[in-house]
N, C-alpha and C. Protein backbone atom coordinates (compact mmCIF):
# COMPACT_ATOMS: atom_id res chain seq x y z
N MET A 1 -14.57 4.22 21.09
CA MET A 1 -13.56 5.03 21.72
C MET A 1 -12.26 4.97 20.91
N ARG A 2 -11.88 3.77 20.50
CA ARG A 2 -10.65 3.60 19.74
C ARG A 2 -10.79 4.28 18.37
N ALA A 3 -11.95 4.24 17.74
CA ALA A 3 -12.19 4.88 16.45
C ALA A 3 -12.04 6.40 16.57
N LYS A 4 -12.54 6.98 17.68
CA LYS A 4 -12.40 8.42 17.89
C LYS A 4 -10.93 8.81 18.01
N LEU A 5 -10.15 7.98 18.68
CA LEU A 5 -8.73 8.25 18.86
C LEU A 5 -8.01 8.23 17.51
N ILE A 6 -8.31 7.24 16.69
CA ILE A 6 -7.68 7.12 15.37
C ILE A 6 -8.07 8.32 14.49
N LEU A 7 -9.35 8.69 14.50
CA LEU A 7 -9.80 9.84 13.72
C LEU A 7 -9.16 11.13 14.21
N SER A 8 -8.99 11.27 15.50
CA SER A 8 -8.34 12.46 16.07
C SER A 8 -6.88 12.53 15.64
N ILE A 9 -6.20 11.40 15.65
CA ILE A 9 -4.79 11.37 15.23
C ILE A 9 -4.67 11.72 13.75
N ILE A 10 -5.50 11.12 12.91
CA ILE A 10 -5.47 11.40 11.47
C ILE A 10 -5.80 12.87 11.22
N GLY A 11 -6.82 13.39 11.89
CA GLY A 11 -7.19 14.80 11.74
C GLY A 11 -6.06 15.72 12.15
N GLY A 12 -5.39 15.40 13.25
CA GLY A 12 -4.27 16.21 13.71
C GLY A 12 -3.11 16.20 12.73
N LEU A 13 -2.83 15.02 12.17
CA LEU A 13 -1.75 14.92 11.18
C LEU A 13 -2.08 15.74 9.92
N LEU A 14 -3.32 15.65 9.46
CA LEU A 14 -3.73 16.42 8.28
C LEU A 14 -3.65 17.92 8.55
N LEU A 15 -4.13 18.33 9.71
CA LEU A 15 -4.07 19.74 10.08
C LEU A 15 -2.62 20.21 10.16
N GLY A 16 -1.76 19.40 10.72
CA GLY A 16 -0.34 19.74 10.82
C GLY A 16 0.30 19.87 9.44
N ALA A 17 -0.06 18.97 8.52
CA ALA A 17 0.48 19.03 7.16
C ALA A 17 0.04 20.30 6.44
N VAL A 18 -1.24 20.66 6.59
CA VAL A 18 -1.76 21.88 5.96
C VAL A 18 -1.04 23.11 6.51
N VAL A 19 -0.87 23.16 7.82
CA VAL A 19 -0.18 24.29 8.44
C VAL A 19 1.27 24.35 7.97
N ALA A 20 1.94 23.21 7.90
CA ALA A 20 3.34 23.18 7.47
C ALA A 20 3.48 23.68 6.03
N ILE A 21 2.57 23.27 5.16
CA ILE A 21 2.62 23.69 3.75
C ILE A 21 2.36 25.19 3.65
N ALA A 22 1.43 25.69 4.44
CA ALA A 22 1.10 27.11 4.40
C ALA A 22 2.23 27.97 4.97
N VAL A 23 2.88 27.49 6.01
CA VAL A 23 3.89 28.28 6.71
C VAL A 23 5.26 28.17 6.06
N PHE A 24 5.61 27.03 5.54
CA PHE A 24 6.95 26.81 4.99
C PHE A 24 6.91 26.71 3.47
N PRO A 25 7.29 27.78 2.76
CA PRO A 25 7.23 27.78 1.30
C PRO A 25 8.06 26.67 0.65
N GLN A 26 9.18 26.31 1.28
CA GLN A 26 10.02 25.25 0.69
C GLN A 26 9.24 23.94 0.62
N ALA A 27 8.48 23.63 1.66
CA ALA A 27 7.68 22.40 1.66
C ALA A 27 6.62 22.47 0.57
N ARG A 28 6.03 23.64 0.40
CA ARG A 28 4.98 23.82 -0.62
C ARG A 28 5.57 23.59 -2.01
N GLU A 29 6.77 24.13 -2.26
CA GLU A 29 7.39 23.97 -3.57
C GLU A 29 7.76 22.52 -3.86
N LYS A 30 8.18 21.78 -2.83
CA LYS A 30 8.52 20.37 -3.04
C LYS A 30 7.29 19.53 -3.31
N LEU A 31 6.21 19.82 -2.60
CA LEU A 31 4.99 19.04 -2.76
C LEU A 31 4.21 19.43 -4.00
N PHE A 32 4.22 20.71 -4.35
CA PHE A 32 3.43 21.20 -5.47
C PHE A 32 4.30 22.02 -6.42
N PRO A 33 5.19 21.37 -7.16
CA PRO A 33 6.04 22.14 -8.08
C PRO A 33 5.18 22.79 -9.15
N GLN A 34 5.60 23.97 -9.57
CA GLN A 34 4.85 24.67 -10.61
C GLN A 34 4.95 23.89 -11.90
N GLN A 35 3.82 23.68 -12.51
CA GLN A 35 3.80 22.96 -13.78
C GLN A 35 4.37 23.85 -14.87
N GLY A 36 5.31 23.35 -15.61
CA GLY A 36 5.89 24.08 -16.73
C GLY A 36 6.83 25.20 -16.31
N ALA A 37 7.17 25.28 -15.05
CA ALA A 37 8.09 26.33 -14.61
C ALA A 37 9.45 26.08 -15.23
N GLN A 38 10.10 27.15 -15.62
CA GLN A 38 11.38 27.01 -16.30
C GLN A 38 12.34 28.04 -15.73
N GLN A 39 13.52 27.61 -15.46
CA GLN A 39 14.54 28.54 -15.01
C GLN A 39 15.07 29.30 -16.22
N SER A 40 15.39 30.56 -16.03
CA SER A 40 15.92 31.37 -17.11
C SER A 40 17.33 30.91 -17.45
N SER A 41 17.61 30.86 -18.73
CA SER A 41 18.95 30.49 -19.17
C SER A 41 19.87 31.70 -19.18
N GLY A 42 19.27 32.88 -18.98
CA GLY A 42 20.06 34.11 -19.06
C GLY A 42 20.21 34.62 -20.47
N LYS A 43 19.64 33.92 -21.43
CA LYS A 43 19.69 34.33 -22.83
C LYS A 43 18.26 34.51 -23.33
N ALA A 44 18.06 35.51 -24.16
CA ALA A 44 16.74 35.75 -24.72
C ALA A 44 16.33 34.57 -25.60
N LEU A 45 15.09 34.19 -25.47
CA LEU A 45 14.57 33.08 -26.27
C LEU A 45 13.86 33.59 -27.51
N ILE A 46 14.03 34.87 -27.82
CA ILE A 46 13.44 35.43 -29.03
C ILE A 46 14.54 36.08 -29.86
N GLY A 47 14.23 36.27 -31.12
CA GLY A 47 15.19 36.89 -32.02
C GLY A 47 16.00 35.85 -32.75
N GLY A 48 16.83 36.32 -33.61
CA GLY A 48 17.67 35.41 -34.38
C GLY A 48 18.18 36.09 -35.62
N PRO A 49 18.90 35.34 -36.42
CA PRO A 49 19.47 35.94 -37.63
C PRO A 49 18.38 36.34 -38.62
N PHE A 50 18.65 37.43 -39.34
CA PHE A 50 17.71 37.86 -40.38
C PHE A 50 18.47 38.60 -41.47
N THR A 51 17.86 38.64 -42.64
CA THR A 51 18.34 39.44 -43.76
C THR A 51 17.15 40.22 -44.27
N LEU A 52 17.26 41.54 -44.26
CA LEU A 52 16.18 42.41 -44.71
C LEU A 52 16.77 43.52 -45.57
N THR A 53 15.90 44.41 -46.07
CA THR A 53 16.34 45.46 -46.97
C THR A 53 16.10 46.84 -46.37
N GLU A 54 17.13 47.69 -46.42
CA GLU A 54 17.01 49.09 -46.01
C GLU A 54 16.32 49.88 -47.11
N PRO A 55 15.85 51.09 -46.80
CA PRO A 55 15.24 51.93 -47.84
C PRO A 55 16.18 52.25 -49.00
N THR A 56 17.49 52.20 -48.79
CA THR A 56 18.45 52.44 -49.87
C THR A 56 18.54 51.26 -50.83
N GLY A 57 17.92 50.14 -50.46
CA GLY A 57 18.00 48.93 -51.26
C GLY A 57 19.08 47.99 -50.79
N LYS A 58 19.90 48.44 -49.84
CA LYS A 58 20.99 47.62 -49.31
C LYS A 58 20.43 46.52 -48.40
N LYS A 59 20.96 45.32 -48.59
CA LYS A 59 20.59 44.20 -47.71
C LYS A 59 21.35 44.34 -46.40
N VAL A 60 20.66 44.15 -45.30
CA VAL A 60 21.30 44.18 -43.98
C VAL A 60 20.94 42.91 -43.23
N THR A 61 21.78 42.55 -42.31
CA THR A 61 21.52 41.38 -41.47
C THR A 61 21.58 41.80 -40.01
N ASP A 62 21.21 40.90 -39.15
CA ASP A 62 21.30 41.16 -37.71
C ASP A 62 22.74 41.48 -37.31
N LYS A 63 23.70 40.94 -38.03
CA LYS A 63 25.11 41.18 -37.71
C LYS A 63 25.50 42.65 -37.86
N ASP A 64 24.78 43.38 -38.72
CA ASP A 64 25.06 44.80 -38.90
C ASP A 64 24.74 45.62 -37.65
N PHE A 65 23.98 45.05 -36.74
CA PHE A 65 23.57 45.77 -35.53
C PHE A 65 24.27 45.24 -34.28
N ARG A 66 25.23 44.33 -34.45
CA ARG A 66 25.93 43.75 -33.30
C ARG A 66 26.66 44.84 -32.52
N GLY A 67 26.69 44.67 -31.21
CA GLY A 67 27.35 45.63 -30.35
C GLY A 67 26.44 46.75 -29.90
N ARG A 68 25.21 46.74 -30.38
CA ARG A 68 24.22 47.75 -30.01
C ARG A 68 22.93 47.03 -29.64
N TYR A 69 22.15 47.65 -28.81
CA TYR A 69 20.83 47.10 -28.49
C TYR A 69 19.91 47.39 -29.66
N MET A 70 19.07 46.42 -29.99
CA MET A 70 18.07 46.63 -31.04
C MET A 70 16.70 46.76 -30.36
N LEU A 71 16.02 47.85 -30.65
CA LEU A 71 14.66 48.07 -30.18
C LEU A 71 13.78 47.88 -31.40
N VAL A 72 13.14 46.72 -31.49
CA VAL A 72 12.47 46.30 -32.73
C VAL A 72 10.96 46.45 -32.61
N PHE A 73 10.36 47.06 -33.64
CA PHE A 73 8.91 47.24 -33.72
C PHE A 73 8.45 46.68 -35.05
N PHE A 74 7.45 45.82 -35.02
CA PHE A 74 6.86 45.26 -36.24
C PHE A 74 5.55 45.99 -36.52
N GLY A 75 5.33 46.38 -37.77
CA GLY A 75 4.10 47.07 -38.12
C GLY A 75 4.00 47.23 -39.62
N PHE A 76 3.19 48.21 -40.05
CA PHE A 76 3.06 48.49 -41.47
C PHE A 76 2.64 49.95 -41.64
N THR A 77 2.99 50.54 -42.77
CA THR A 77 2.81 51.98 -42.94
C THR A 77 1.35 52.40 -43.03
N ALA A 78 0.46 51.51 -43.40
CA ALA A 78 -0.96 51.86 -43.48
C ALA A 78 -1.69 51.62 -42.16
N CYS A 79 -0.97 51.26 -41.13
CA CYS A 79 -1.54 51.03 -39.80
C CYS A 79 -2.07 52.37 -39.27
N PRO A 80 -3.36 52.43 -38.92
CA PRO A 80 -3.94 53.72 -38.58
C PRO A 80 -3.67 54.25 -37.17
N ASP A 81 -3.41 53.37 -36.20
CA ASP A 81 -3.32 53.89 -34.84
C ASP A 81 -2.23 53.26 -33.98
N ILE A 82 -2.19 51.96 -33.88
CA ILE A 82 -1.24 51.30 -32.97
C ILE A 82 0.20 51.54 -33.40
N CYS A 83 0.47 51.43 -34.69
CA CYS A 83 1.86 51.60 -35.15
C CYS A 83 2.37 53.02 -34.91
N PRO A 84 1.62 54.06 -35.31
CA PRO A 84 2.12 55.41 -35.01
C PRO A 84 2.28 55.66 -33.51
N ALA A 85 1.34 55.17 -32.72
CA ALA A 85 1.44 55.37 -31.26
C ALA A 85 2.66 54.65 -30.71
N GLY A 86 2.90 53.43 -31.17
CA GLY A 86 4.06 52.67 -30.70
C GLY A 86 5.38 53.31 -31.10
N LEU A 87 5.44 53.82 -32.33
CA LEU A 87 6.67 54.47 -32.79
C LEU A 87 6.91 55.81 -32.09
N GLN A 88 5.84 56.53 -31.78
CA GLN A 88 5.99 57.77 -31.01
C GLN A 88 6.50 57.46 -29.60
N LEU A 89 5.97 56.39 -29.02
CA LEU A 89 6.42 55.97 -27.69
C LEU A 89 7.90 55.57 -27.73
N MET A 90 8.28 54.85 -28.77
CA MET A 90 9.68 54.44 -28.92
C MET A 90 10.58 55.68 -29.01
N SER A 91 10.18 56.65 -29.82
CA SER A 91 10.96 57.87 -29.97
C SER A 91 11.06 58.63 -28.65
N ALA A 92 9.95 58.72 -27.92
CA ALA A 92 9.95 59.41 -26.63
C ALA A 92 10.86 58.70 -25.63
N ALA A 93 10.84 57.38 -25.64
CA ALA A 93 11.69 56.61 -24.72
C ALA A 93 13.16 56.86 -25.03
N LEU A 94 13.50 56.91 -26.30
CA LEU A 94 14.89 57.19 -26.68
C LEU A 94 15.30 58.59 -26.22
N GLY A 95 14.37 59.54 -26.32
CA GLY A 95 14.66 60.89 -25.86
C GLY A 95 14.87 60.96 -24.36
N LYS A 96 14.15 60.14 -23.63
CA LYS A 96 14.25 60.17 -22.16
C LYS A 96 15.54 59.56 -21.64
N ILE A 97 16.12 58.63 -22.39
CA ILE A 97 17.34 58.00 -21.87
C ILE A 97 18.60 58.77 -22.28
N GLY A 98 18.43 59.84 -23.02
CA GLY A 98 19.55 60.72 -23.33
C GLY A 98 20.67 60.05 -24.09
N ALA A 99 21.89 60.24 -23.60
CA ALA A 99 23.09 59.73 -24.28
C ALA A 99 23.11 58.21 -24.37
N LYS A 100 22.41 57.54 -23.47
CA LYS A 100 22.36 56.07 -23.53
C LYS A 100 21.70 55.59 -24.82
N ALA A 101 20.90 56.45 -25.43
CA ALA A 101 20.23 56.08 -26.68
C ALA A 101 21.23 55.86 -27.81
N ASN A 102 22.46 56.34 -27.64
CA ASN A 102 23.49 56.13 -28.66
C ASN A 102 23.86 54.66 -28.80
N ASN A 103 23.52 53.86 -27.80
CA ASN A 103 23.80 52.42 -27.84
C ASN A 103 22.61 51.61 -28.34
N VAL A 104 21.56 52.30 -28.77
CA VAL A 104 20.32 51.64 -29.18
C VAL A 104 20.04 51.94 -30.65
N THR A 105 19.68 50.91 -31.39
CA THR A 105 19.22 51.10 -32.76
C THR A 105 17.73 50.78 -32.80
N PRO A 106 16.88 51.80 -32.98
CA PRO A 106 15.45 51.55 -33.11
C PRO A 106 15.17 51.06 -34.54
N ILE A 107 14.41 49.98 -34.64
CA ILE A 107 14.16 49.36 -35.94
C ILE A 107 12.67 49.15 -36.14
N PHE A 108 12.17 49.57 -37.30
CA PHE A 108 10.79 49.31 -37.71
C PHE A 108 10.85 48.27 -38.82
N ILE A 109 10.19 47.13 -38.62
CA ILE A 109 10.15 46.08 -39.65
C ILE A 109 8.72 45.99 -40.16
N SER A 110 8.56 46.22 -41.46
CA SER A 110 7.23 46.14 -42.06
C SER A 110 6.83 44.68 -42.27
N VAL A 111 5.60 44.37 -41.89
CA VAL A 111 5.06 43.03 -42.12
C VAL A 111 4.17 43.03 -43.37
N ASP A 112 4.23 44.11 -44.15
CA ASP A 112 3.43 44.22 -45.37
C ASP A 112 4.34 44.56 -46.55
N PRO A 113 5.20 43.60 -46.93
CA PRO A 113 6.16 43.90 -48.00
C PRO A 113 5.51 44.15 -49.36
N ALA A 114 4.28 43.70 -49.55
CA ALA A 114 3.61 43.93 -50.82
C ALA A 114 3.30 45.41 -51.04
N ARG A 115 2.94 46.11 -49.98
CA ARG A 115 2.59 47.53 -50.10
C ARG A 115 3.67 48.48 -49.60
N ASP A 116 4.46 48.02 -48.65
CA ASP A 116 5.48 48.89 -48.06
C ASP A 116 6.80 48.76 -48.79
N THR A 117 6.98 49.62 -49.78
CA THR A 117 8.25 49.64 -50.51
C THR A 117 9.32 50.27 -49.62
N PRO A 118 10.58 50.03 -49.93
CA PRO A 118 11.64 50.67 -49.14
C PRO A 118 11.50 52.20 -49.10
N GLU A 119 11.11 52.81 -50.22
CA GLU A 119 10.95 54.27 -50.26
C GLU A 119 9.81 54.73 -49.35
N LYS A 120 8.73 53.99 -49.37
CA LYS A 120 7.58 54.33 -48.52
C LYS A 120 7.94 54.20 -47.04
N ILE A 121 8.69 53.17 -46.71
CA ILE A 121 9.12 52.97 -45.32
C ILE A 121 10.05 54.09 -44.89
N ALA A 122 10.96 54.52 -45.77
CA ALA A 122 11.89 55.60 -45.44
C ALA A 122 11.13 56.87 -45.08
N ALA A 123 10.14 57.22 -45.88
CA ALA A 123 9.34 58.41 -45.61
C ALA A 123 8.54 58.25 -44.31
N TYR A 124 8.04 57.06 -44.08
CA TYR A 124 7.21 56.80 -42.89
C TYR A 124 8.01 56.94 -41.60
N VAL A 125 9.17 56.29 -41.52
CA VAL A 125 9.93 56.30 -40.26
C VAL A 125 10.48 57.68 -39.93
N LYS A 126 10.74 58.50 -40.93
CA LYS A 126 11.26 59.85 -40.68
C LYS A 126 10.23 60.73 -39.98
N ASN A 127 8.96 60.34 -40.02
CA ASN A 127 7.92 61.07 -39.30
C ASN A 127 8.04 60.91 -37.79
N PHE A 128 8.82 59.93 -37.35
CA PHE A 128 8.88 59.61 -35.92
C PHE A 128 10.23 59.93 -35.29
N ASP A 129 11.31 59.52 -35.92
CA ASP A 129 12.63 59.73 -35.32
C ASP A 129 13.68 59.49 -36.40
N ASP A 130 14.65 60.40 -36.49
CA ASP A 130 15.69 60.26 -37.51
C ASP A 130 16.57 59.03 -37.30
N ARG A 131 16.60 58.53 -36.08
CA ARG A 131 17.43 57.35 -35.78
C ARG A 131 16.74 56.04 -36.17
N LEU A 132 15.45 56.09 -36.42
CA LEU A 132 14.66 54.89 -36.69
C LEU A 132 15.05 54.29 -38.04
N VAL A 133 15.41 53.02 -38.03
CA VAL A 133 15.80 52.29 -39.24
C VAL A 133 14.59 51.51 -39.72
N GLY A 134 14.18 51.76 -40.96
CA GLY A 134 13.06 51.04 -41.54
C GLY A 134 13.55 49.88 -42.38
N LEU A 135 12.96 48.71 -42.17
CA LEU A 135 13.38 47.52 -42.91
C LEU A 135 12.18 46.79 -43.48
N THR A 136 12.39 46.13 -44.59
CA THR A 136 11.39 45.25 -45.19
C THR A 136 12.14 44.11 -45.86
N GLY A 137 11.41 43.28 -46.55
CA GLY A 137 12.04 42.16 -47.24
C GLY A 137 11.02 41.45 -48.09
N THR A 138 11.42 40.32 -48.60
CA THR A 138 10.47 39.49 -49.34
C THR A 138 9.47 38.92 -48.34
N PRO A 139 8.34 38.43 -48.81
CA PRO A 139 7.41 37.80 -47.86
C PRO A 139 8.05 36.70 -47.03
N ASP A 140 8.94 35.91 -47.63
CA ASP A 140 9.61 34.84 -46.88
C ASP A 140 10.58 35.40 -45.84
N GLU A 141 11.30 36.46 -46.19
CA GLU A 141 12.23 37.07 -45.23
C GLU A 141 11.48 37.67 -44.05
N VAL A 142 10.38 38.35 -44.34
CA VAL A 142 9.56 38.95 -43.28
C VAL A 142 8.96 37.87 -42.40
N ALA A 143 8.47 36.80 -43.02
CA ALA A 143 7.90 35.69 -42.23
C ALA A 143 8.96 35.07 -41.32
N ALA A 144 10.17 34.93 -41.82
CA ALA A 144 11.24 34.32 -41.02
C ALA A 144 11.61 35.19 -39.83
N VAL A 145 11.76 36.50 -40.03
CA VAL A 145 12.13 37.36 -38.90
C VAL A 145 10.97 37.47 -37.91
N ALA A 146 9.74 37.50 -38.41
CA ALA A 146 8.59 37.54 -37.50
C ALA A 146 8.53 36.27 -36.66
N LYS A 147 8.80 35.14 -37.27
CA LYS A 147 8.79 33.88 -36.51
C LYS A 147 9.90 33.88 -35.46
N ALA A 148 11.08 34.35 -35.84
CA ALA A 148 12.21 34.38 -34.90
C ALA A 148 11.92 35.27 -33.70
N TYR A 149 11.19 36.36 -33.93
CA TYR A 149 10.86 37.29 -32.86
C TYR A 149 9.48 37.01 -32.24
N ARG A 150 8.90 35.89 -32.63
CA ARG A 150 7.60 35.45 -32.09
C ARG A 150 6.50 36.49 -32.30
N VAL A 151 6.47 37.04 -33.49
CA VAL A 151 5.47 38.04 -33.85
C VAL A 151 4.44 37.39 -34.75
N PHE A 152 3.17 37.54 -34.39
CA PHE A 152 2.08 37.04 -35.23
C PHE A 152 1.54 38.19 -36.06
N TYR A 153 1.31 37.94 -37.32
CA TYR A 153 0.64 38.91 -38.18
C TYR A 153 -0.09 38.14 -39.26
N GLU A 154 -1.11 38.77 -39.82
CA GLU A 154 -1.78 38.17 -40.97
C GLU A 154 -2.39 39.28 -41.80
N LYS A 155 -2.45 39.06 -43.08
CA LYS A 155 -3.03 40.03 -43.99
C LYS A 155 -4.54 39.82 -44.01
N THR A 156 -5.26 40.91 -43.84
CA THR A 156 -6.72 40.82 -43.89
C THR A 156 -7.20 41.53 -45.14
N PRO A 157 -8.34 41.11 -45.65
CA PRO A 157 -8.85 41.75 -46.88
C PRO A 157 -9.22 43.20 -46.68
């Protein structure tokens, strides 16, 4: 009889705890904090300083675009489908926001500096939007900006 009473009390307490956790989110968060959850700092955790080359041969840095939003796309001119589709989408988005697009600099960064010369990039980006800035650099410069923007790429045979 005493064992049944103890089991009933324990069962009731467990049931009460389960109901409390299900009903009260604050209790659930205290008991089961999300693993790896991070509060936003309010600052982007991607991007950073870079030095690349415009089609004119002029070196530019991230500082040249300060005061404007940068809409950055990484790709290469021999890309058969994703790059053209992405750049068309970028151009369409700029068209849809109208005058607000004046505060945006759309940027195409080539991840294939061996084949994408500044002249080739200039001709390529003009197929999509006159506002699109094409950039490239040395393999080390491209690797650095890709790392800063958390972009993975690799050359395939």
